[in-house]
């Protein structure tokens, strides 16, 4: 019984530590690229974004697919278009200063 108690306490401490880590971790914002194929400007934009890829989850939406007709109607002449967490961020070219500013705002909101 003497050996069981320290193990139980160790598990409890580990569980509490794990829960604290899970709930204190920051989530990564979602950066969505509205694109189509081919899209040379989109390819260029993805290259510019490469150094920031550890700071967000990256999604691509192909606006030419039938299920994305709403996005086709909205952005067919404007790609690439980027949304951050579902809100419009930028179009045509990547503004790294705007991206950094918005990512910093998201970080600040999480604190």
PDB file of N, CA and C in Angstrom:
ATOM      1  N   UNK A   1       0.833  -1.196   0.000  1.00  0.00           N
ATOM      2  CA  UNK A   1       0.000   0.000   0.000  1.00  0.00           C
ATOM      3  C   UNK A   1       0.870   1.248   0.000  1.00  0.00           C
ATOM      4  N   UNK A   2       1.980   1.171   0.635  1.00  0.00           N
ATOM      5  CA  UNK A   2       2.881   2.313   0.698  1.00  0.00           C
ATOM      6  C   UNK A   2       3.337   2.724  -0.705  1.00  0.00           C
ATOM      7  N   UNK A   3       3.570   1.783  -1.587  1.00  0.00           N
ATOM      8  CA  UNK A   3       4.012   2.086  -2.942  1.00  0.00           C
ATOM      9  C   UNK A   3       2.888   2.597  -3.825  1.00  0.00           C
ATOM     10  N   UNK A   4       1.670   2.233  -3.540  1.00  0.00           N
ATOM     11  CA  UNK A   4       0.525   2.648  -4.357  1.00  0.00           C
ATOM     12  C   UNK A   4       0.245   4.133  -4.177  1.00  0.00           C
ATOM     13  N   UNK A   5       0.323   4.603  -2.969  1.00  0.00           N
ATOM     14  CA  UNK A   5       0.016   6.003  -2.690  1.00  0.00           C
ATOM     15  C   UNK A   5       0.918   6.965  -3.466  1.00  0.00           C
ATOM     16  N   UNK A   6       2.246   6.821  -3.455  1.00  0.00           N
ATOM     17  CA  UNK A   6       3.078   7.729  -4.232  1.00  0.00           C
ATOM     18  C   UNK A   6       2.756   7.671  -5.733  1.00  0.00           C
ATOM     19  N   UNK A   7       2.483   6.495  -6.246  1.00  0.00           N
ATOM     20  CA  UNK A   7       2.127   6.377  -7.666  1.00  0.00           C
ATOM     21  C   UNK A   7       0.822   7.102  -7.962  1.00  0.00           C
ATOM     22  N   UNK A   8      -0.141   6.949  -7.071  1.00  0.00           N
ATOM     23  CA  UNK A   8      -1.426   7.624  -7.256  1.00  0.00           C
ATOM     24  C   UNK A   8      -1.235   9.131  -7.239  1.00  0.00           C
ATOM     25  N   UNK A   9      -0.449   9.607  -6.269  1.00  0.00           N
ATOM     26  CA  UNK A   9      -0.186  11.041  -6.210  1.00  0.00           C
ATOM     27  C   UNK A   9       0.552  11.512  -7.468  1.00  0.00           C
ATOM     28  N   UNK A  10       1.481  10.696  -7.929  1.00  0.00           N
ATOM     29  CA  UNK A  10       2.209  11.056  -9.146  1.00  0.00           C
ATOM     30  C   UNK A  10       1.254  11.158 -10.339  1.00  0.00           C
ATOM     31  N   UNK A  11       0.340  10.203 -10.446  1.00  0.00           N
ATOM     32  CA  UNK A  11      -0.640  10.238 -11.542  1.00  0.00           C
ATOM     33  C   UNK A  11      -1.526  11.467 -11.429  1.00  0.00           C
ATOM     34  N   UNK A  12      -1.938  11.780 -10.226  1.00  0.00           N
ATOM     35  CA  UNK A  12      -2.789  12.947 -10.027  1.00  0.00           C
ATOM     36  C   UNK A  12      -2.060  14.218 -10.436  1.00  0.00           C
ATOM     37  N   UNK A  13      -0.800  14.334 -10.027  1.00  0.00           N
ATOM     38  CA  UNK A  13      -0.023  15.511 -10.407  1.00  0.00           C
ATOM     39  C   UNK A  13       0.164  15.563 -11.917  1.00  0.00           C
ATOM     40  N   UNK A  14       0.443  14.417 -12.525  1.00  0.00           N
ATOM     41  CA  UNK A  14       0.627  14.371 -13.971  1.00  0.00           C
ATOM     42  C   UNK A  14      -0.648  14.745 -14.695  1.00  0.00           C
ATOM     43  N   UNK A  15      -1.771  14.233 -14.221  1.00  0.00           N
ATOM     44  CA  UNK A  15      -3.067  14.539 -14.845  1.00  0.00           C
ATOM     45  C   UNK A  15      -3.386  16.025 -14.725  1.00  0.00           C
ATOM     46  N   UNK A  16      -3.160  16.571 -13.537  1.00  0.00           N
ATOM     47  CA  UNK A  16      -3.425  17.993 -13.336  1.00  0.00           C
ATOM     48  C   UNK A  16      -2.519  18.829 -14.224  1.00  0.00           C
ATOM     49  N   UNK A  17      -1.258  18.419 -14.307  1.00  0.00           N
ATOM     50  CA  UNK A  17      -0.308  19.141 -15.155  1.00  0.00           C
ATOM     51  C   UNK A  17      -0.743  19.073 -16.621  1.00  0.00           C
ATOM     52  N   UNK A  18      -1.162  17.885 -17.046  1.00  0.00           N
ATOM     53  CA  UNK A  18      -1.609  17.717 -18.424  1.00  0.00           C
ATOM     54  C   UNK A  18      -2.838  18.572 -18.709  1.00  0.00           C
ATOM     55  N   UNK A  19      -3.792  18.569 -17.796  1.00  0.00           N
ATOM     56  CA  UNK A  19      -4.995  19.389 -17.987  1.00  0.00           C
ATOM     57  C   UNK A  19      -4.653  20.878 -18.047  1.00  0.00           C
ATOM     58  N   UNK A  20      -3.755  21.302 -17.161  1.00  0.00           N
ATOM     59  CA  UNK A  20      -3.335  22.708 -17.173  1.00  0.00           C
ATOM     60  C   UNK A  20      -2.715  23.074 -18.515  1.00  0.00           C
ATOM     61  N   UNK A  21      -1.869  22.184 -19.034  1.00  0.00           N
ATOM     62  CA  UNK A  21      -1.215  22.439 -20.321  1.00  0.00           C
ATOM     63  C   UNK A  21      -2.229  22.484 -21.453  1.00  0.00           C
ATOM     64  N   UNK A  22      -3.196  21.561 -21.418  1.00  0.00           N
ATOM     65  CA  UNK A  22      -4.198  21.520 -22.485  1.00  0.00           C
ATOM     66  C   UNK A  22      -5.041  22.791 -22.507  1.00  0.00           C
ATOM     67  N   UNK A  23      -5.460  23.237 -21.326  1.00  0.00           N
ATOM     68  CA  UNK A  23      -6.341  24.394 -21.278  1.00  0.00           C
ATOM     69  C   UNK A  23      -5.605  25.720 -21.381  1.00  0.00           C
ATOM     70  N   UNK A  24      -4.318  25.725 -21.185  1.00  0.00           N
ATOM     71  CA  UNK A  24      -3.577  26.979 -21.276  1.00  0.00           C
ATOM     72  C   UNK A  24      -2.928  27.153 -22.644  1.00  0.00           C
ATOM     73  N   UNK A  25      -2.950  26.116 -23.479  1.00  0.00           N
ATOM     74  CA  UNK A  25      -2.332  26.232 -24.790  1.00  0.00           C
ATOM     75  C   UNK A  25      -3.134  27.175 -25.673  1.00  0.00           C
ATOM     76  N   UNK A  26      -2.414  27.919 -26.463  1.00  0.00           N
ATOM     77  CA  UNK A  26      -3.052  28.818 -27.407  1.00  0.00           C
ATOM     78  C   UNK A  26      -3.465  28.028 -28.642  1.00  0.00           C
ATOM     79  N   UNK A  27      -4.593  28.378 -29.185  1.00  0.00           N
ATOM     80  CA  UNK A  27      -4.990  27.745 -30.420  1.00  0.00           C
ATOM     81  C   UNK A  27      -4.390  28.539 -31.573  1.00  0.00           C
ATOM     82  N   UNK A  28      -4.185  27.889 -32.679  1.00  0.00           N
ATOM     83  CA  UNK A  28      -3.674  28.582 -33.851  1.00  0.00           C
ATOM     84  C   UNK A  28      -4.842  29.110 -34.657  1.00  0.00           C
ATOM     85  N   UNK A  29      -4.757  30.342 -35.110  1.00  0.00           N
ATOM     86  CA  UNK A  29      -5.816  30.873 -35.955  1.00  0.00           C
ATOM     87  C   UNK A  29      -5.804  30.169 -37.314  1.00  0.00           C
ATOM     88  N   UNK A  30      -6.897  30.280 -38.035  1.00  0.00           N
ATOM     89  CA  UNK A  30      -7.020  29.654 -39.345  1.00  0.00           C
ATOM     90  C   UNK A  30      -6.908  30.707 -40.433  1.00  0.00           C
ATOM     91  N   UNK A  31      -5.939  30.515 -41.311  1.00  0.00           N
ATOM     92  CA  UNK A  31      -5.770  31.374 -42.480  1.00  0.00           C
ATOM     93  C   UNK A  31      -6.303  30.599 -43.679  1.00  0.00           C
ATOM     94  N   UNK A  32      -7.318  31.149 -44.325  1.00  0.00           N
ATOM     95  CA  UNK A  32      -7.954  30.494 -45.467  1.00  0.00           C
ATOM     96  C   UNK A  32      -7.593  31.238 -46.737  1.00  0.00           C
ATOM     97  N   UNK A  33      -7.137  30.486 -47.729  1.00  0.00           N
ATOM     98  CA  UNK A  33      -6.828  31.027 -49.055  1.00  0.00           C
ATOM     99  C   UNK A  33      -7.918  30.593 -50.018  1.00  0.00           C
ATOM    100  N   UNK A  34      -8.581  31.549 -50.625  1.00  0.00           N
ATOM    101  CA  UNK A  34      -9.552  31.266 -51.682  1.00  0.00           C
ATOM    102  C   UNK A  34      -8.786  31.324 -52.989  1.00  0.00           C
ATOM    103  N   UNK A  35      -8.824  30.230 -53.739  1.00  0.00           N
ATOM    104  CA  UNK A  35      -7.956  30.062 -54.894  1.00  0.00           C
ATOM    105  C   UNK A  35      -8.651  29.287 -56.000  1.00  0.00           C
ATOM    106  N   UNK A  36      -7.971  29.106 -57.098  1.00  0.00           N
ATOM    107  CA  UNK A  36      -8.377  28.208 -58.177  1.00  0.00           C
ATOM    108  C   UNK A  36      -7.105  27.757 -58.879  1.00  0.00           C
ATOM    109  N   UNK A  37      -7.246  26.810 -59.783  1.00  0.00           N
ATOM    110  CA  UNK A  37      -6.085  26.297 -60.499  1.00  0.00           C
ATOM    111  C   UNK A  37      -6.254  26.581 -61.982  1.00  0.00           C
ATOM    112  N   UNK A  38      -5.320  27.232 -62.609  1.00  0.00           N
ATOM    113  CA  UNK A  38      -4.068  27.768 -62.078  1.00  0.00           C
ATOM    114  C   UNK A  38      -4.276  29.144 -61.443  1.00  0.00           C
ATOM    115  N   UNK A  39      -3.345  29.486 -60.568  1.00  0.00           N
ATOM    116  CA  UNK A  39      -3.361  30.802 -59.931  1.00  0.00           C
ATOM    117  C   UNK A  39      -1.927  31.174 -59.567  1.00  0.00           C
ATOM    118  N   UNK A  40      -1.187  31.766 -60.505  1.00  0.00           N
ATOM    119  CA  UNK A  40       0.198  32.151 -60.224  1.00  0.00           C
ATOM    120  C   UNK A  40       0.337  33.118 -59.043  1.00  0.00           C
ATOM    121  N   UNK A  41      -0.620  34.031 -58.879  1.00  0.00           N
ATOM    122  CA  UNK A  41      -0.556  34.952 -57.739  1.00  0.00           C
ATOM    123  C   UNK A  41      -0.728  34.202 -56.417  1.00  0.00           C
ATOM    124  N   UNK A  42      -1.532  33.146 -56.448  1.00  0.00           N
ATOM    125  CA  UNK A  42      -1.721  32.328 -55.236  1.00  0.00           C
ATOM    126  C   UNK A  42      -0.432  31.599 -54.897  1.00  0.00           C
ATOM    127  N   UNK A  43       0.234  31.073 -55.904  1.00  0.00           N
ATOM    128  CA  UNK A  43       1.510  30.385 -55.682  1.00  0.00           C
ATOM    129  C   UNK A  43       2.535  31.346 -55.094  1.00  0.00           C
ATOM    130  N   UNK A  44       2.563  32.548 -55.632  1.00  0.00           N
ATOM    131  CA  UNK A  44       3.477  33.574 -55.117  1.00  0.00           C
ATOM    132  C   UNK A  44       3.134  33.931 -53.667  1.00  0.00           C
ATOM    133  N   UNK A  45       1.848  34.060 -53.392  1.00  0.00           N
ATOM    134  CA  UNK A  45       1.401  34.399 -52.035  1.00  0.00           C
ATOM    135  C   UNK A  45       1.801  33.314 -51.044  1.00  0.00           C
ATOM    136  N   UNK A  46       1.666  32.050 -51.430  1.00  0.00           N
ATOM    137  CA  UNK A  46       2.039  30.948 -50.537  1.00  0.00           C
ATOM    138  C   UNK A  46       3.532  30.969 -50.224  1.00  0.00           C
ATOM    139  N   UNK A  47       4.335  31.368 -51.180  1.00  0.00           N
ATOM    140  CA  UNK A  47       5.781  31.485 -50.931  1.00  0.00           C
ATOM    141  C   UNK A  47       6.066  32.586 -49.914  1.00  0.00           C
ATOM    142  N   UNK A  48       5.369  33.714 -50.053  1.00  0.00           N
ATOM    143  CA  UNK A  48       5.555  34.828 -49.117  1.00  0.00           C
ATOM    144  C   UNK A  48       5.129  34.417 -47.708  1.00  0.00           C
ATOM    145  N   UNK A  49       4.107  33.569 -47.605  1.00  0.00           N
ATOM    146  CA  UNK A  49       3.578  33.144 -46.311  1.00  0.00           C
ATOM    147  C   UNK A  49       4.407  32.061 -45.630  1.00  0.00           C
ATOM    148  N   UNK A  50       5.302  31.438 -46.349  1.00  0.00           N
ATOM    149  CA  UNK A  50       6.077  30.305 -45.834  1.00  0.00           C
ATOM    150  C   UNK A  50       6.715  30.565 -44.463  1.00  0.00           C
ATOM    151  N   UNK A  51       7.357  31.713 -44.227  1.00  0.00           N
ATOM    152  CA  UNK A  51       7.986  31.935 -42.910  1.00  0.00           C
ATOM    153  C   UNK A  51       6.989  32.040 -41.747  1.00  0.00           C
ATOM    154  N   UNK A  52       5.711  32.223 -42.050  1.00  0.00           N
ATOM    155  CA  UNK A  52       4.692  32.407 -41.008  1.00  0.00           C
ATOM    156  C   UNK A  52       3.880  31.143 -40.746  1.00  0.00           C
ATOM    157  N   UNK A  53       4.140  30.061 -41.480  1.00  0.00           N
ATOM    158  CA  UNK A  53       3.258  28.894 -41.463  1.00  0.00           C
ATOM    159  C   UNK A  53       3.124  28.234 -40.094  1.00  0.00           C
ATOM    160  N   UNK A  54       4.059  28.452 -39.188  1.00  0.00           N
ATOM    161  CA  UNK A  54       3.963  27.884 -37.846  1.00  0.00           C
ATOM    162  C   UNK A  54       2.993  28.656 -36.953  1.00  0.00           C
ATOM    163  N   UNK A  55       2.479  29.779 -37.452  1.00  0.00           N
ATOM    164  CA  UNK A  55       1.629  30.644 -36.632  1.00  0.00           C
ATOM    165  C   UNK A  55       0.144  30.521 -36.936  1.00  0.00           C
ATOM    166  N   UNK A  56      -0.227  29.652 -37.892  1.00  0.00           N
ATOM    167  CA  UNK A  56      -1.639  29.494 -38.244  1.00  0.00           C
ATOM    168  C   UNK A  56      -1.878  28.125 -38.866  1.00  0.00           C
ATOM    169  N   UNK A  57      -3.137  27.754 -38.919  1.00  0.00           N
ATOM    170  CA  UNK A  57      -3.570  26.580 -39.663  1.00  0.00           C
ATOM    171  C   UNK A  57      -3.959  27.086 -41.042  1.00  0.00           C
ATOM    172  N   UNK A  58      -3.466  26.442 -42.075  1.00  0.00           N
ATOM    173  CA  UNK A  58      -3.673  26.910 -43.444  1.00  0.00           C
ATOM    174  C   UNK A  58      -4.702  26.040 -44.155  1.00  0.00           C
ATOM    175  N   UNK A  59      -5.734  26.680 -44.686  1.00  0.00           N
ATOM    176  CA  UNK A  59      -6.749  25.996 -45.474  1.00  0.00           C
ATOM    177  C   UNK A  59      -6.821  26.633 -46.851  1.00  0.00           C
ATOM    178  N   UNK A  60      -7.099  25.816 -47.856  1.00  0.00           N
ATOM    179  CA  UNK A  60      -7.309  26.331 -49.199  1.00  0.00           C
ATOM    180  C   UNK A  60      -8.717  25.962 -49.651  1.00  0.00           C
ATOM    181  N   UNK A  61      -9.402  26.911 -50.257  1.00  0.00           N
ATOM    182  CA  UNK A  61     -10.730  26.679 -50.794  1.00  0.00           C
ATOM    183  C   UNK A  61     -10.662  26.906 -52.300  1.00  0.00           C
ATOM    184  N   UNK A  62     -10.938  25.843 -53.053  1.00  0.00           N
ATOM    185  CA  UNK A  62     -10.973  25.929 -54.513  1.00  0.00           C
ATOM    186  C   UNK A  62     -12.337  26.483 -54.908  1.00  0.00           C
ATOM    187  N   UNK A  63     -12.356  27.722 -55.352  1.00  0.00           N
ATOM    188  CA  UNK A  63     -13.635  28.389 -55.641  1.00  0.00           C
ATOM    189  C   UNK A  63     -14.307  27.858 -56.901  1.00  0.00           C
ATOM    190  N   UNK A  64     -13.615  27.017 -57.677  1.00  0.00           N
ATOM    191  CA  UNK A  64     -14.217  26.477 -58.899  1.00  0.00           C
ATOM    192  C   UNK A  64     -15.075  25.240 -58.631  1.00  0.00           C
ATOM    193  N   UNK A  65     -14.992  24.688 -57.435  1.00  0.00           N
ATOM    194  CA  UNK A  65     -15.806  23.518 -57.118  1.00  0.00           C
ATOM    195  C   UNK A  65     -17.269  23.922 -56.947  1.00  0.00           C
ATOM    196  N   UNK A  66     -18.200  23.074 -57.395  1.00  0.00           N
ATOM    197  CA  UNK A  66     -19.626  23.425 -57.313  1.00  0.00           C
ATOM    198  C   UNK A  66     -20.088  23.809 -55.912  1.00  0.00           C
ATOM    199  N   UNK A  67     -19.563  23.140 -54.888  1.00  0.00           N
ATOM    200  CA  UNK A  67     -19.997  23.452 -53.517  1.00  0.00           C
ATOM    201  C   UNK A  67     -19.485  24.805 -53.025  1.00  0.00           C
ATOM    202  N   UNK A  68     -18.589  25.428 -53.778  1.00  0.00           N
ATOM    203  CA  UNK A  68     -18.041  26.730 -53.392  1.00  0.00           C
ATOM    204  C   UNK A  68     -18.526  27.860 -54.296  1.00  0.00           C
ATOM    205  N   UNK A  69     -19.699  27.693 -54.886  1.00  0.00           N
ATOM    206  CA  UNK A  69     -20.247  28.683 -55.813  1.00  0.00           C
ATOM    207  C   UNK A  69     -20.366  30.075 -55.183  1.00  0.00           C
ATOM    208  N   UNK A  70     -20.723  30.122 -53.920  1.00  0.00           N
ATOM    209  CA  UNK A  70     -20.832  31.415 -53.222  1.00  0.00           C
ATOM    210  C   UNK A  70     -19.496  32.157 -53.286  1.00  0.00           C
ATOM    211  N   UNK A  71     -18.395  31.422 -53.045  1.00  0.00           N
ATOM    212  CA  UNK A  71     -17.072  32.048 -53.069  1.00  0.00           C
ATOM    213  C   UNK A  71     -16.672  32.401 -54.505  1.00  0.00           C
ATOM    214  N   UNK A  72     -17.063  31.578 -55.469  1.00  0.00           N
ATOM    215  CA  UNK A  72     -16.794  31.894 -56.875  1.00  0.00           C
ATOM    216  C   UNK A  72     -17.461  33.212 -57.243  1.00  0.00           C
ATOM    217  N   UNK A  73     -18.741  33.348 -56.906  1.00  0.00           N
ATOM    218  CA  UNK A  73     -19.480  34.573 -57.219  1.00  0.00           C
ATOM    219  C   UNK A  73     -18.851  35.798 -56.560  1.00  0.00           C
ATOM    220  N   UNK A  74     -18.329  35.618 -55.371  1.00  0.00           N
ATOM    221  CA  UNK A  74     -17.763  36.742 -54.625  1.00  0.00           C
ATOM    222  C   UNK A  74     -16.339  37.089 -55.062  1.00  0.00           C
ATOM    223  N   UNK A  75     -15.506  36.067 -55.361  1.00  0.00           N
ATOM    224  CA  UNK A  75     -14.075  36.309 -55.522  1.00  0.00           C
ATOM    225  C   UNK A  75     -13.484  35.922 -56.875  1.00  0.00           C
ATOM    226  N   UNK A  76     -14.287  35.598 -57.859  1.00  0.00           N
ATOM    227  CA  UNK A  76     -13.732  35.071 -59.121  1.00  0.00           C
ATOM    228  C   UNK A  76     -12.740  36.013 -59.788  1.00  0.00           C
ATOM    229  N   UNK A  77     -12.859  37.301 -59.556  1.00  0.00           N
ATOM    230  CA  UNK A  77     -11.931  38.250 -60.181  1.00  0.00           C
ATOM    231  C   UNK A  77     -10.872  38.776 -59.203  1.00  0.00           C
ATOM    232  N   UNK A  78     -10.847  38.261 -58.003  1.00  0.00           N
ATOM    233  CA  UNK A  78     -10.000  38.860 -56.965  1.00  0.00           C
ATOM    234  C   UNK A  78      -8.990  37.926 -56.318  1.00  0.00           C
ATOM    235  N   UNK A  79      -8.913  36.682 -56.731  1.00  0.00           N
ATOM    236  CA  UNK A  79      -7.997  35.766 -56.048  1.00  0.00           C
ATOM    237  C   UNK A  79      -6.548  36.168 -56.276  1.00  0.00           C
ATOM    238  N   UNK A  80      -5.690  35.902 -55.327  1.00  0.00           N
ATOM    239  CA  UNK A  80      -5.957  35.246 -54.055  1.00  0.00           C
ATOM    240  C   UNK A  80      -6.651  36.161 -53.048  1.00  0.00           C
ATOM    241  N   UNK A  81      -7.506  35.556 -52.254  1.00  0.00           N
ATOM    242  CA  UNK A  81      -8.194  36.244 -51.163  1.00  0.00           C
ATOM    243  C   UNK A  81      -7.917  35.451 -49.894  1.00  0.00           C
ATOM    244  N   UNK A  82      -7.666  36.161 -48.806  1.00  0.00           N
ATOM    245  CA  UNK A  82      -7.368  35.523 -47.524  1.00  0.00           C
ATOM    246  C   UNK A  82      -8.351  35.962 -46.459  1.00  0.00           C
ATOM    247  N   UNK A  83      -8.777  34.988 -45.665  1.00  0.00           N
ATOM    248  CA  UNK A  83      -9.576  35.238 -44.465  1.00  0.00           C
ATOM    249  C   UNK A  83      -8.772  34.732 -43.280  1.00  0.00           C
ATOM    250  N   UNK A  84      -8.859  35.422 -42.168  1.00  0.00           N
ATOM    251  CA  UNK A  84      -8.253  34.964 -40.917  1.00  0.00           C
ATOM    252  C   UNK A  84      -9.383  34.717 -39.937  1.00  0.00           C
ATOM    253  N   UNK A  85      -9.500  33.484 -39.487  1.00  0.00           N
ATOM    254  CA  UNK A  85     -10.591  33.078 -38.590  1.00  0.00           C
ATOM    255  C   UNK A  85     -11.959  33.473 -39.136  1.00  0.00           C
ATOM    256  N   UNK A  86     -12.130  33.284 -40.440  1.00  0.00           N
ATOM    257  CA  UNK A  86     -13.436  33.514 -41.057  1.00  0.00           C
ATOM    258  C   UNK A  86     -13.739  34.947 -41.433  1.00  0.00           C
ATOM    259  N   UNK A  87     -12.816  35.859 -41.197  1.00  0.00           N
ATOM    260  CA  UNK A  87     -13.038  37.266 -41.538  1.00  0.00           C
ATOM    261  C   UNK A  87     -12.044  37.701 -42.605  1.00  0.00           C
ATOM    262  N   UNK A  88     -12.535  38.504 -43.549  1.00  0.00           N
ATOM    263  CA  UNK A  88     -11.683  38.982 -44.633  1.00  0.00           C
ATOM    264  C   UNK A  88     -10.409  39.605 -44.065  1.00  0.00           C
ATOM    265  N   UNK A  89      -9.283  39.274 -44.701  1.00  0.00           N
ATOM    266  CA  UNK A  89      -7.992  39.825 -44.284  1.00  0.00           C
ATOM    267  C   UNK A  89      -7.347  40.641 -45.394  1.00  0.00           C
ATOM    268  N   UNK A  90      -7.216  40.031 -46.598  1.00  0.00           N
ATOM    269  CA  UNK A  90      -6.534  40.733 -47.694  1.00  0.00           C
ATOM    270  C   UNK A  90      -6.815  40.012 -49.004  1.00  0.00           C
ATOM    271  N   UNK A  91      -6.518  40.705 -50.104  1.00  0.00           N
ATOM    272  CA  UNK A  91      -6.670  40.084 -51.419  1.00  0.00           C
ATOM    273  C   UNK A  91      -5.582  40.573 -52.361  1.00  0.00           C
ATOM    274  N   UNK A  92      -5.404  39.829 -53.444  1.00  0.00           N
ATOM    275  CA  UNK A  92      -4.464  40.093 -54.535  1.00  0.00           C
ATOM    276  C   UNK A  92      -3.007  39.825 -54.164  1.00  0.00           C
ATOM    277  N   UNK A  93      -2.515  40.433 -53.125  1.00  0.00           N
ATOM    278  CA  UNK A  93      -1.123  40.247 -52.687  1.00  0.00           C
ATOM    279  C   UNK A  93      -1.098  40.141 -51.166  1.00  0.00           C
ATOM    280  N   UNK A  94      -0.077  39.469 -50.674  1.00  0.00           N
ATOM    281  CA  UNK A  94       0.075  39.315 -49.226  1.00  0.00           C
ATOM    282  C   UNK A  94       0.714  40.572 -48.651  1.00  0.00           C
ATOM    283  N   UNK A  95       0.089  41.087 -47.614  1.00  0.00           N
ATOM    284  CA  UNK A  95       0.674  42.178 -46.837  1.00  0.00           C
ATOM    285  C   UNK A  95       1.195  41.555 -45.550  1.00  0.00           C
ATOM    286  N   UNK A  96       2.512  41.370 -45.476  1.00  0.00           N
ATOM    287  CA  UNK A  96       3.080  40.735 -44.285  1.00  0.00           C
ATOM    288  C   UNK A  96       2.883  41.599 -43.039  1.00  0.00           C
ATOM    289  N   UNK A  97       2.888  42.916 -43.221  1.00  0.00           N
ATOM    290  CA  UNK A  97       2.688  43.786 -42.051  1.00  0.00           C
ATOM    291  C   UNK A  97       1.261  43.634 -41.517  1.00  0.00           C
ATOM    292  N   UNK A  98       0.276  43.542 -42.406  1.00  0.00           N
ATOM    293  CA  UNK A  98      -1.105  43.341 -41.967  1.00  0.00           C
ATOM    294  C   UNK A  98      -1.260  41.964 -41.322  1.00  0.00           C
ATOM    295  N   UNK A  99      -0.665  40.954 -41.925  1.00  0.00           N
ATOM    296  CA  UNK A  99      -0.741  39.610 -41.361  1.00  0.00           C
ATOM    297  C   UNK A  99      -0.127  39.571 -39.965  1.00  0.00           C
ATOM    298  N   UNK A 100       1.053  40.144 -39.805  1.00  0.00           N
ATOM    299  CA  UNK A 100       1.707  40.174 -38.494  1.00  0.00           C
ATOM    300  C   UNK A 100       0.842  40.904 -37.469  1.00  0.00           C
ATOM    301  N   UNK A 101       0.257  42.010 -37.873  1.00  0.00           N
ATOM    302  CA  UNK A 101      -0.591  42.796 -36.970  1.00  0.00           C
ATOM    303  C   UNK A 101      -1.792  41.974 -36.509  1.00  0.00           C
ATOM    304  N   UNK A 102      -2.466  41.330 -37.444  1.00  0.00           N
ATOM    305  CA  UNK A 102      -3.656  40.550 -37.101  1.00  0.00           C
ATOM    306  C   UNK A 102      -3.310  39.313 -36.276  1.00  0.00           C
ATOM    307  N   UNK A 103      -2.194  38.662 -36.591  1.00  0.00           N
ATOM    308  CA  UNK A 103      -1.778  37.509 -35.795  1.00  0.00           C
ATOM    309  C   UNK A 103      -1.441  37.940 -34.365  1.00  0.00           C
ATOM    310  N   UNK A 104      -0.819  39.099 -34.229  1.00  0.00           N
ATOM    311  CA  UNK A 104      -0.516  39.629 -32.897  1.00  0.00           C
ATOM    312  C   UNK A 104      -1.806  39.936 -32.129  1.00  0.00           C
ATOM    313  N   UNK A 105      -2.812  40.464 -32.823  1.00  0.00           N
ATOM    314  CA  UNK A 105      -4.101  40.739 -32.178  1.00  0.00           C
ATOM    315  C   UNK A 105      -4.749  39.450 -31.683  1.00  0.00           C
ATOM    316  N   UNK A 106      -4.671  38.406 -32.494  1.00  0.00           N
ATOM    317  CA  UNK A 106      -5.230  37.108 -32.091  1.00  0.00           C
ATOM    318  C   UNK A 106      -4.492  36.593 -30.863  1.00  0.00           C
ATOM    319  N   UNK A 107      -3.164  36.708 -30.862  1.00  0.00           N
ATOM    320  CA  UNK A 107      -2.369  36.288 -29.700  1.00  0.00           C
ATOM    321  C   UNK A 107      -2.778  37.062 -28.448  1.00  0.00           C
ATOM    322  N   UNK A 108      -2.977  38.354 -28.610  1.00  0.00           N
ATOM    323  CA  UNK A 108      -3.347  39.214 -27.492  1.00  0.00           C
ATOM    324  C   UNK A 108      -4.718  38.843 -26.931  1.00  0.00           C
ATOM    325  N   UNK A 109      -5.652  38.519 -27.818  1.00  0.00           N
ATOM    326  CA  UNK A 109      -7.005  38.132 -27.387  1.00  0.00           C
ATOM    327  C   UNK A 109      -6.992  36.859 -26.549  1.00  0.00           C
ATOM    328  N   UNK A 110      -6.008  35.998 -26.771  1.00  0.00           N
ATOM    329  CA  UNK A 110      -5.934  34.720 -26.073  1.00  0.00           C
ATOM    330  C   UNK A 110      -5.349  34.848 -24.675  1.00  0.00           C
ATOM    331  N   UNK A 111      -4.755  35.964 -24.356  1.00  0.00           N
ATOM    332  CA  UNK A 111      -4.115  36.112 -23.048  1.00  0.00           C
ATOM    333  C   UNK A 111      -5.077  36.600 -22.002  1.00  0.00           C
TER     334      UNK A 111
END
